[in-house]
Amino acid sequence: MSEPHVTLDPSGLDPVQRKLRGPLEDQLTSALQAATGRVRSSYAGEPVEQVCQRLLDETRSGLHPDIAAGFQPDMDEFCRVAVAIVRGEVA
């Protein structure tokens, strides 16, 4: 699996968010990648659901509180990253 990346759907963004889409995607991606590394390095056989929730919590903790509060990721995609962590497919 390549490194996870966040892409925002412009149709779900307000005008200000659309204007800041690139930097916002960069910040979200950076937080997700850092969280993936932390979760991967401490993975100890937990079930995928728990890894997925931890990945979300760790990602949000790496964001400004206002951004974290509004971050509503596609949980299917987050769980896909969690499955890759469980399978050892994330470098």
Protein backbone atom coordinates (compact mmCIF):
# COMPACT_ATOMS: atom_id res chain seq x y z
CA MET A 1 0.00 0.00 0.00
CA SER A 2 1.26 3.47 -0.82
CA GLU A 3 1.19 6.14 1.87
CA PRO A 4 -2.35 7.22 2.74
CA HIS A 5 -3.56 10.51 1.31
CA VAL A 6 -6.61 12.67 2.05
CA THR A 7 -8.55 14.12 -0.88
CA LEU A 8 -11.49 16.40 -0.15
CA ASP A 9 -14.63 16.35 -2.28
CA PRO A 10 -15.06 19.97 -3.43
CA SER A 11 -18.84 19.58 -3.67
CA GLY A 12 -19.02 19.15 0.11
CA LEU A 13 -16.94 22.24 0.89
CA ASP A 14 -18.04 25.79 1.58
CA PRO A 15 -16.40 28.62 -0.42
CA VAL A 16 -13.68 29.25 2.17
CA GLN A 17 -12.83 25.55 2.42
CA ARG A 18 -12.72 25.30 -1.38
CA LYS A 19 -10.26 28.18 -1.49
CA LEU A 20 -8.07 26.45 1.14
CA ARG A 21 -8.56 22.94 -0.22
CA GLY A 22 -4.91 22.28 -1.17
CA PRO A 23 -3.35 23.34 2.14
CA LEU A 24 -6.16 21.63 4.07
CA GLU A 25 -5.60 18.36 2.17
CA ASP A 26 -1.87 18.67 2.88
CA GLN A 27 -2.46 19.14 6.61
CA LEU A 28 -4.96 16.27 6.80
CA THR A 29 -2.67 13.99 4.81
CA SER A 30 0.29 14.83 7.03
CA ALA A 31 -1.73 14.10 10.18
CA LEU A 32 -3.01 10.81 8.70
CA GLN A 33 0.47 9.69 7.66
CA ALA A 34 1.92 10.52 11.09
CA ALA A 35 -0.96 8.68 12.77
CA THR A 36 -0.45 5.68 10.49
CA GLY A 37 3.20 5.51 11.53
CA ARG A 38 2.37 5.71 15.24
CA VAL A 39 -0.41 3.13 15.04
CA ARG A 40 1.71 0.79 12.89
CA SER A 41 4.70 0.96 15.23
CA SER A 42 2.62 0.14 18.29
CA TYR A 43 0.29 -2.41 16.67
CA ALA A 44 0.00 -5.47 18.91
CA GLY A 45 -2.65 -7.68 17.33
CA GLU A 46 -5.75 -5.57 18.02
CA PRO A 47 -8.83 -6.12 15.81
CA VAL A 48 -9.25 -3.99 12.69
CA GLU A 49 -12.14 -2.01 14.20
CA GLN A 50 -9.97 -0.93 17.12
CA VAL A 51 -7.07 -0.05 14.82
CA CYS A 52 -9.45 2.00 12.64
CA GLN A 53 -10.75 3.97 15.64
CA ARG A 54 -7.25 4.54 16.95
CA LEU A 55 -6.14 5.73 13.53
CA LEU A 56 -8.98 8.26 13.50
CA ASP A 57 -8.23 9.40 17.07
CA GLU A 58 -4.50 9.75 16.34
CA THR A 59 -5.19 11.67 13.13
CA ARG A 60 -7.52 14.10 14.89
CA SER A 61 -5.02 14.60 17.72
CA GLY A 62 -2.50 15.80 15.14
CA LEU A 63 -4.80 18.54 13.85
CA HIS A 64 -5.75 22.00 15.08
CA PRO A 65 -8.88 21.53 17.25
CA ASP A 66 -11.09 23.49 14.82
CA ILE A 67 -9.96 21.37 11.89
CA ALA A 68 -10.25 18.15 13.90
CA ALA A 69 -13.81 19.03 14.91
CA GLY A 70 -14.87 19.42 11.28
CA PHE A 71 -12.95 16.44 9.93
CA GLN A 72 -15.45 13.80 8.81
CA PRO A 73 -13.42 11.23 6.89
CA ASP A 74 -14.70 8.39 4.77
CA MET A 75 -14.53 5.66 7.41
CA ASP A 76 -14.38 2.94 4.75
CA GLU A 77 -11.10 4.46 3.59
CA PHE A 78 -9.80 4.80 7.14
CA CYS A 79 -10.62 1.15 7.77
CA ARG A 80 -8.84 0.21 4.53
CA VAL A 81 -5.70 1.80 6.00
CA ALA A 82 -6.34 -0.07 9.27
CA VAL A 83 -6.59 -3.38 7.40
CA ALA A 84 -3.27 -2.61 5.70
CA ILE A 85 -1.70 -1.96 9.13
CA VAL A 86 -3.07 -5.25 10.48
CA ARG A 87 -1.77 -7.13 7.43
CA GLY A 88 1.64 -5.44 7.66
CA GLU A 89 1.22 -3.82 4.24
CA VAL A 90 2.08 -0.30 5.39
CA ALA A 91 5.77 0.55 5.26
